[in-house]
Amino acid sequence: MTTTTSTRASEKTTALLSVLGMLMLGMVILFAAGHAQSATLHDAAHDVRHATGFPCH
């Protein structure tokens, strides 16, 4: 029974780390697209914001 409990705890930890990793990646992408300083990068991010309905003005 100890092995089963340990395996389930390990699966929960892995799932939690995966969710947190994806959340952090999403936040980094959103931050980079929203605060781009390069004119080309900013224009591309601006077009993506309009396409996805994200407010930008």
N, C-alpha and C. Protein backbone atom coordinates (compact mmCIF):
# COMPACT_ATOMS: atom_id res chain seq x y z
N MET A 1 0.82 -1.18 0.00
CA MET A 1 0.00 0.00 0.00
C MET A 1 0.87 1.26 0.00
N THR A 2 2.05 1.20 0.55
CA THR A 2 2.94 2.36 0.57
C THR A 2 3.35 2.75 -0.85
N THR A 3 3.61 1.77 -1.69
CA THR A 3 4.02 2.05 -3.06
C THR A 3 2.91 2.75 -3.82
N THR A 4 1.67 2.30 -3.66
CA THR A 4 0.53 2.92 -4.33
C THR A 4 0.35 4.35 -3.88
N THR A 5 0.44 4.62 -2.61
CA THR A 5 0.29 5.96 -2.08
C THR A 5 1.41 6.86 -2.60
N SER A 6 2.62 6.35 -2.61
CA SER A 6 3.76 7.11 -3.10
C SER A 6 3.59 7.43 -4.59
N THR A 7 3.11 6.48 -5.37
CA THR A 7 2.91 6.69 -6.79
C THR A 7 1.84 7.74 -7.04
N ARG A 8 0.75 7.69 -6.30
CA ARG A 8 -0.31 8.68 -6.47
C ARG A 8 0.17 10.06 -6.07
N ALA A 9 0.93 10.17 -5.02
CA ALA A 9 1.47 11.46 -4.60
C ALA A 9 2.42 12.00 -5.66
N SER A 10 3.21 11.12 -6.24
CA SER A 10 4.13 11.52 -7.29
C SER A 10 3.38 12.00 -8.53
N GLU A 11 2.29 11.34 -8.88
CA GLU A 11 1.47 11.73 -10.03
C GLU A 11 0.82 13.09 -9.80
N LYS A 12 0.36 13.33 -8.57
CA LYS A 12 -0.25 14.63 -8.25
C LYS A 12 0.79 15.73 -8.32
N THR A 13 1.99 15.47 -7.82
CA THR A 13 3.05 16.46 -7.85
C THR A 13 3.43 16.78 -9.29
N THR A 14 3.54 15.75 -10.13
CA THR A 14 3.87 15.95 -11.53
C THR A 14 2.78 16.75 -12.23
N ALA A 15 1.53 16.46 -11.97
CA ALA A 15 0.43 17.19 -12.57
C ALA A 15 0.44 18.65 -12.13
N LEU A 16 0.68 18.89 -10.86
CA LEU A 16 0.73 20.25 -10.34
C LEU A 16 1.87 21.04 -10.97
N LEU A 17 3.04 20.42 -11.08
CA LEU A 17 4.17 21.09 -11.71
C LEU A 17 3.91 21.38 -13.18
N SER A 18 3.22 20.49 -13.86
CA SER A 18 2.87 20.72 -15.26
C SER A 18 1.93 21.90 -15.40
N VAL A 19 0.93 21.97 -14.56
CA VAL A 19 -0.02 23.09 -14.60
C VAL A 19 0.69 24.40 -14.29
N LEU A 20 1.52 24.41 -13.27
CA LEU A 20 2.25 25.62 -12.91
C LEU A 20 3.23 26.04 -14.02
N GLY A 21 3.85 25.08 -14.64
CA GLY A 21 4.76 25.37 -15.75
C GLY A 21 4.03 26.00 -16.93
N MET A 22 2.88 25.47 -17.28
CA MET A 22 2.09 26.02 -18.38
C MET A 22 1.57 27.41 -18.04
N LEU A 23 1.18 27.61 -16.79
CA LEU A 23 0.72 28.92 -16.35
C LEU A 23 1.85 29.95 -16.47
N MET A 24 3.03 29.59 -16.02
CA MET A 24 4.17 30.50 -16.12
C MET A 24 4.53 30.79 -17.59
N LEU A 25 4.51 29.78 -18.44
CA LEU A 25 4.80 29.98 -19.85
C LEU A 25 3.78 30.92 -20.49
N GLY A 26 2.52 30.73 -20.17
CA GLY A 26 1.48 31.60 -20.69
C GLY A 26 1.65 33.04 -20.24
N MET A 27 2.02 33.22 -18.97
CA MET A 27 2.23 34.58 -18.46
C MET A 27 3.42 35.25 -19.14
N VAL A 28 4.48 34.50 -19.38
CA VAL A 28 5.66 35.05 -20.06
C VAL A 28 5.30 35.45 -21.49
N ILE A 29 4.56 34.61 -22.19
CA ILE A 29 4.17 34.93 -23.56
C ILE A 29 3.27 36.15 -23.58
N LEU A 30 2.30 36.20 -22.69
CA LEU A 30 1.39 37.35 -22.63
C LEU A 30 2.16 38.62 -22.29
N PHE A 31 3.07 38.56 -21.34
CA PHE A 31 3.87 39.73 -20.97
C PHE A 31 4.74 40.19 -22.14
N ALA A 32 5.40 39.24 -22.81
CA ALA A 32 6.28 39.59 -23.93
C ALA A 32 5.49 40.21 -25.07
N ALA A 33 4.33 39.67 -25.38
CA ALA A 33 3.51 40.22 -26.46
C ALA A 33 2.92 41.56 -26.09
N GLY A 34 2.59 41.76 -24.85
CA GLY A 34 1.96 43.00 -24.43
C GLY A 34 2.93 44.15 -24.24
N HIS A 35 4.20 43.85 -23.97
CA HIS A 35 5.17 44.89 -23.68
C HIS A 35 6.33 44.91 -24.66
N ALA A 36 6.09 44.44 -25.87
CA ALA A 36 7.16 44.41 -26.88
C ALA A 36 7.57 45.84 -27.24
N GLN A 37 8.86 46.11 -27.29
CA GLN A 37 9.36 47.44 -27.61
C GLN A 37 9.76 47.59 -29.08
N SER A 38 10.18 46.52 -29.70
CA SER A 38 10.54 46.57 -31.11
C SER A 38 9.30 46.85 -31.94
N ALA A 39 9.39 47.75 -32.91
CA ALA A 39 8.23 48.14 -33.71
C ALA A 39 7.64 46.93 -34.45
N THR A 40 8.47 46.11 -35.03
CA THR A 40 7.97 44.94 -35.77
C THR A 40 7.31 43.94 -34.83
N LEU A 41 7.99 43.66 -33.72
CA LEU A 41 7.43 42.72 -32.75
C LEU A 41 6.15 43.28 -32.15
N HIS A 42 6.14 44.57 -31.87
CA HIS A 42 4.95 45.19 -31.30
C HIS A 42 3.78 45.13 -32.29
N ASP A 43 4.04 45.41 -33.56
CA ASP A 43 2.98 45.35 -34.56
C ASP A 43 2.43 43.93 -34.72
N ALA A 44 3.30 42.95 -34.69
CA ALA A 44 2.85 41.56 -34.78
C ALA A 44 2.01 41.20 -33.56
N ALA A 45 2.46 41.60 -32.38
CA ALA A 45 1.69 41.33 -31.16
C ALA A 45 0.37 42.07 -31.19
N HIS A 46 0.37 43.27 -31.72
CA HIS A 46 -0.85 44.06 -31.82
C HIS A 46 -1.87 43.37 -32.71
N ASP A 47 -1.42 42.83 -33.84
CA ASP A 47 -2.31 42.10 -34.74
C ASP A 47 -2.88 40.86 -34.07
N VAL A 48 -2.04 40.16 -33.30
CA VAL A 48 -2.51 38.96 -32.59
C VAL A 48 -3.54 39.35 -31.53
N ARG A 49 -3.31 40.45 -30.83
CA ARG A 49 -4.27 40.90 -29.82
C ARG A 49 -5.62 41.19 -30.47
N HIS A 50 -5.61 41.85 -31.62
CA HIS A 50 -6.88 42.12 -32.32
C HIS A 50 -7.54 40.82 -32.76
N ALA A 51 -6.76 39.88 -33.27
CA ALA A 51 -7.31 38.62 -33.77
C ALA A 51 -7.93 37.79 -32.66
N THR A 52 -7.38 37.87 -31.46
CA THR A 52 -7.90 37.06 -30.35
C THR A 52 -8.90 37.80 -29.48
N GLY A 53 -9.14 39.08 -29.79
CA GLY A 53 -10.12 39.85 -29.03
C GLY A 53 -9.59 40.41 -27.73
N PHE A 54 -8.27 40.42 -27.57
CA PHE A 54 -7.63 40.95 -26.36
C PHE A 54 -7.61 42.47 -26.45
N PRO A 55 -8.10 43.19 -25.45
CA PRO A 55 -8.12 44.66 -25.54
C PRO A 55 -6.70 45.23 -25.54
N CYS A 56 -6.47 46.17 -26.42
CA CYS A 56 -5.14 46.74 -26.51
C CYS A 56 -5.15 48.26 -26.59
N HIS A 57 -6.31 48.88 -26.66
CA HIS A 57 -6.36 50.34 -26.78
C HIS A 57 -7.10 50.89 -25.56
